[in-house]
Amino acid sequence: MKSSEIIPSNYHLDKKQYAALINLGGDLTYSAWFNTKKEAELVKPALEKAMDYYSYPPTMEEDGCYPERAIIMEEKYHESGRDDLNHPMHGLFTGLNIEDGKVSNNNS
């Protein structure tokens, strides 16, 4: 996981403070709290630089999904006959990899 964002001190109250938040693999680093969102946005680049944020490799979220898996699952769905409205498992992709071999989960 890798994210860089501005967070409010609360969501339910009108008066908020804001901080920059860097998440690298679940390790959270916060900036100081500021009275305006703009102030927090100004310190976020410095916090990213201090945490070496851009040297971390892209995450799966940044790279996008694994489209080949979706294509394979759709093919298996049609091969199993589940696209027929009368099929008892119509609309479900559950168990397709068990019925017809394994579907790769390799996201490299």
Protein backbone atom coordinates (compact mmCIF):
# COMPACT_ATOMS: atom_id res chain seq x y z
CA MET A 1 0.00 0.00 0.00
CA LYS A 2 1.20 3.45 -0.86
CA SER A 3 -0.76 6.67 -0.52
CA SER A 4 -0.26 10.37 0.07
CA GLU A 5 -3.23 12.49 1.07
CA ILE A 6 -4.59 15.33 3.15
CA ILE A 7 -6.86 14.24 6.01
CA PRO A 8 -9.18 16.24 8.25
CA SER A 9 -9.04 15.97 12.03
CA ASN A 10 -12.74 15.05 12.02
CA TYR A 11 -15.50 14.60 9.50
CA HIS A 12 -18.54 15.41 11.60
CA LEU A 13 -17.66 18.86 12.99
CA ASP A 14 -17.52 22.14 11.11
CA LYS A 15 -14.22 23.22 12.64
CA LYS A 16 -11.45 20.99 11.32
CA GLN A 17 -7.70 20.90 11.19
CA TYR A 18 -5.79 19.19 8.39
CA ALA A 19 -2.62 17.12 8.12
CA ALA A 20 -0.66 15.46 5.34
CA LEU A 21 -0.58 11.68 5.67
CA ILE A 22 1.90 9.33 3.98
CA ASN A 23 1.19 5.58 4.06
CA LEU A 24 4.01 3.30 2.94
CA GLY A 25 3.23 -0.36 3.46
CA GLY A 26 1.00 0.39 6.44
CA ASP A 27 3.53 2.69 8.13
CA LEU A 28 1.72 6.00 8.64
CA THR A 29 3.53 9.33 8.89
CA TYR A 30 1.63 12.52 9.65
CA SER A 31 2.63 16.15 9.29
CA ALA A 32 1.72 18.67 11.94
CA TRP A 33 -1.94 19.74 12.09
CA PHE A 34 -2.90 22.95 10.30
CA ASN A 35 -5.96 25.19 10.48
CA THR A 36 -6.48 25.15 6.70
CA LYS A 37 -6.33 22.45 4.06
CA LYS A 38 -4.15 24.71 1.91
CA GLU A 39 -1.44 24.84 4.61
CA ALA A 40 -1.40 21.04 4.83
CA GLU A 41 -1.19 20.77 1.04
CA LEU A 42 1.87 23.03 1.08
CA VAL A 43 3.80 20.72 3.43
CA LYS A 44 2.76 17.45 1.73
CA PRO A 45 5.50 17.58 -0.97
CA ALA A 46 8.15 18.11 1.72
CA LEU A 47 6.82 15.14 3.70
CA GLU A 48 6.80 12.98 0.56
CA LYS A 49 10.40 13.94 -0.10
CA ALA A 50 11.43 13.28 3.50
CA MET A 51 9.79 9.83 3.38
CA ASP A 52 11.32 9.08 -0.05
CA TYR A 53 7.77 8.44 -1.25
CA TYR A 54 8.48 8.35 -4.99
CA SER A 55 11.32 5.85 -4.71
CA TYR A 56 8.89 3.13 -3.56
CA PRO A 57 7.81 0.91 -6.45
CA PRO A 58 4.35 1.39 -7.90
CA THR A 59 1.60 -0.56 -6.17
CA MET A 60 -0.94 -2.80 -7.90
CA GLU A 61 -3.45 0.03 -7.45
CA GLU A 62 -1.19 2.41 -9.37
CA ASP A 63 -0.38 -0.17 -12.05
CA GLY A 64 -4.02 -1.05 -12.54
CA CYS A 65 -5.70 -4.39 -12.26
CA TYR A 66 -4.83 -7.72 -13.79
CA PRO A 67 -7.13 -7.64 -16.86
CA GLU A 68 -6.04 -11.07 -18.09
CA ARG A 69 -7.64 -12.65 -15.01
CA ALA A 70 -10.99 -11.03 -15.78
CA ILE A 71 -10.80 -12.27 -19.39
CA ILE A 72 -9.94 -15.81 -18.27
CA MET A 73 -12.79 -15.85 -15.72
CA GLU A 74 -15.28 -14.58 -18.32
CA GLU A 75 -14.19 -17.35 -20.73
CA LYS A 76 -14.57 -19.99 -18.01
CA TYR A 77 -18.00 -18.58 -17.13
CA HIS A 78 -19.21 -19.04 -20.71
CA GLU A 79 -17.53 -22.46 -21.09
CA SER A 80 -19.33 -23.72 -17.97
CA GLY A 81 -22.69 -22.68 -19.43
CA ARG A 82 -23.44 -20.23 -16.63
CA ASP A 83 -24.39 -17.57 -19.17
CA ASP A 84 -27.64 -19.54 -19.68
CA LEU A 85 -30.45 -18.00 -17.58
CA ASN A 86 -31.61 -21.51 -16.59
CA HIS A 87 -28.22 -22.59 -15.22
CA PRO A 88 -28.40 -23.00 -11.43
CA MET A 89 -25.18 -20.98 -11.04
CA HIS A 90 -26.14 -18.24 -13.53
CA GLY A 91 -24.56 -14.92 -12.56
CA LEU A 92 -22.01 -16.51 -10.19
CA PHE A 93 -18.30 -16.81 -10.84
CA THR A 94 -17.76 -18.73 -7.60
CA GLY A 95 -15.94 -22.02 -8.03
CA LEU A 96 -14.99 -21.63 -11.70
CA ASN A 97 -11.31 -22.23 -10.95
CA ILE A 98 -12.20 -25.43 -9.08
CA GLU A 99 -14.43 -26.72 -11.89
CA ASP A 100 -12.00 -26.02 -14.70
CA GLY A 101 -8.48 -25.88 -13.28
CA LYS A 102 -6.70 -22.94 -11.70
CA VAL A 103 -6.83 -19.30 -12.68
CA SER A 104 -3.51 -17.56 -12.20
CA ASN A 105 -3.34 -14.85 -9.57
CA ASN A 106 0.09 -13.65 -10.73
CA ASN A 107 0.00 -9.87 -10.79
CA SER A 108 3.65 -9.30 -11.66
